[in-house]
Protein backbone atom coordinates (compact mmCIF):
# COMPACT_ATOMS: atom_id res chain seq x y z
CA MET A 1 0.16 0.06 0.11
CA ASN A 2 1.59 3.55 -0.87
CA ASN A 3 1.30 6.43 0.84
CA SER A 4 -1.19 7.90 -1.41
CA LYS A 5 -3.67 5.24 -0.82
CA LEU A 6 -2.70 4.96 2.94
CA ALA A 7 -3.77 8.84 3.44
CA LEU A 8 -6.92 7.99 1.95
CA TRP A 9 -7.42 5.45 4.17
CA VAL A 10 -6.63 7.10 7.42
CA ARG A 11 -8.76 10.01 5.86
CA ALA A 12 -11.99 7.73 5.18
CA VAL A 13 -11.52 6.77 8.62
CA ALA A 14 -11.29 10.06 10.41
CA ILE A 15 -14.24 11.12 8.82
CA ALA A 16 -16.35 7.75 9.23
CA ALA A 17 -15.57 8.23 13.79
CA THR A 18 -16.27 11.54 13.14
CA VAL A 19 -19.87 10.71 11.60
CA THR A 20 -20.40 7.81 13.76
CA GLY A 21 -19.38 9.93 16.91
CA VAL A 22 -22.07 12.13 15.81
CA MET A 23 -25.25 9.32 14.90
CA LEU A 24 -24.37 7.73 18.21
CA ALA A 25 -25.04 11.11 19.99
CA VAL A 26 -28.16 11.98 18.45
CA LEU A 27 -29.35 7.94 18.77
CA ILE A 28 -28.31 7.76 22.29
CA ILE A 29 -30.30 10.81 23.32
CA ALA A 30 -32.87 9.76 20.87
CA ALA A 31 -33.57 6.66 22.25
CA GLU A 32 -34.07 8.21 25.61
CA GLU A 33 -36.82 10.40 24.63
CA ALA A 34 -38.41 8.25 21.86
CA PRO A 35 -39.37 5.14 23.59
CA ALA A 36 -40.57 3.54 20.22
CA LEU A 37 -36.76 3.93 19.08
CA LYS A 38 -35.75 2.70 22.31
CA ASN A 39 -38.51 -0.36 21.82
CA TRP A 40 -37.22 -0.55 18.42
CA LEU A 41 -33.82 -1.21 19.54
CA LYS A 42 -34.33 -3.89 21.79
CA ALA A 43 -36.95 -6.07 19.66
CA THR A 44 -34.52 -5.77 16.80
CA PHE A 45 -31.13 -5.98 18.28
CA TYR A 46 -32.24 -7.90 21.72
CA HIS A 47 -30.91 -4.95 23.72
CA HIS A 48 -30.77 -1.22 22.77
CA TRP A 49 -27.03 -1.07 23.33
CA LEU A 50 -26.18 -3.51 20.94
CA GLY A 51 -28.80 -2.13 18.37
CA LYS A 52 -27.12 1.03 18.87
CA GLY A 53 -23.40 -0.58 18.57
CA ALA A 54 -24.53 -2.30 15.38
CA LEU A 55 -25.80 0.59 13.82
CA ALA A 56 -22.80 2.48 14.41
CA LEU A 57 -20.56 -0.46 13.17
CA GLY A 58 -22.41 -0.39 9.55
CA LEU A 59 -22.47 3.12 9.37
CA PHE A 60 -18.70 3.33 10.50
CA VAL A 61 -17.84 0.20 7.65
CA VAL A 62 -20.16 2.02 4.80
CA VAL A 63 -18.64 5.92 5.26
CA SER A 64 -14.94 4.66 5.58
CA VAL A 65 -15.28 1.86 2.16
CA VAL A 66 -17.25 4.66 0.41
CA LEU A 67 -14.72 7.67 1.37
CA SER A 68 -11.79 5.40 0.46
CA VAL A 69 -12.83 4.94 -3.05
CA GLN A 70 -12.56 8.85 -3.72
CA ARG A 71 -9.47 10.40 -4.97
CA ARG A 72 -10.53 13.69 -3.35
CA VAL A 73 -7.55 14.39 -0.52
CA THR A 74 -7.97 16.94 2.38
CA ASN A 75 -5.33 17.89 4.33
CA LEU A 76 -5.09 15.11 7.01
CA SER A 77 -4.24 17.45 10.43
CA THR A 78 -7.72 19.32 9.28
CA THR A 79 -9.75 16.27 8.97
CA VAL A 80 -8.45 15.26 12.36
CA PHE A 81 -9.14 18.55 14.23
CA TYR A 82 -12.56 17.97 12.94
CA GLU A 83 -12.77 14.65 14.29
CA ALA A 84 -11.43 15.44 17.44
CA VAL A 85 -13.84 18.64 18.13
CA ALA A 86 -16.88 16.68 16.76
CA VAL A 87 -15.76 13.79 19.53
CA PHE A 88 -15.65 16.35 22.32
CA VAL A 89 -18.51 17.44 21.24
CA SER A 90 -20.71 14.84 20.89
CA ALA A 91 -19.32 13.47 24.34
CA GLY A 92 -20.40 16.93 26.03
CA VAL A 93 -23.56 16.94 24.48
CA ILE A 94 -24.42 13.17 25.57
CA ALA A 95 -22.70 14.04 29.24
CA GLY A 96 -25.03 16.98 29.27
CA PHE A 97 -28.13 15.53 28.80
CA PHE A 98 -27.68 12.90 31.21
CA LEU A 99 -26.64 15.29 33.84
CA LEU A 100 -29.89 17.45 33.01
CA HIS A 101 -31.83 14.30 32.94
CA LEU A 102 -30.20 13.07 36.37
CA LEU A 103 -30.74 16.97 37.59
CA LYS A 104 -34.69 16.43 36.51
CA LEU A 105 -34.43 19.88 34.63
CA ILE A 106 -35.50 17.59 31.40
């Protein structure tokens, strides 16, 4: 595997991780607020966390493969920076939601 092909894969995986992290944050909060979604995840995947994991893994693989075949290369450091920002924001949103939930503010 040459450097340009490796750079495409690294970029694709970084973007896939970003998209997956944001999707998980949305799915976690949505499942807590919409009992029908949580029940569907339980019924389909045996447990709602297994469902979230399966959906996250599927999205990660699809986004990684789709983006790895694109020939457009962006600056890798910019991609990784946005990935880190998205991960921190997603984690903050999840933590904030459950903190507000714990304090019975929502």
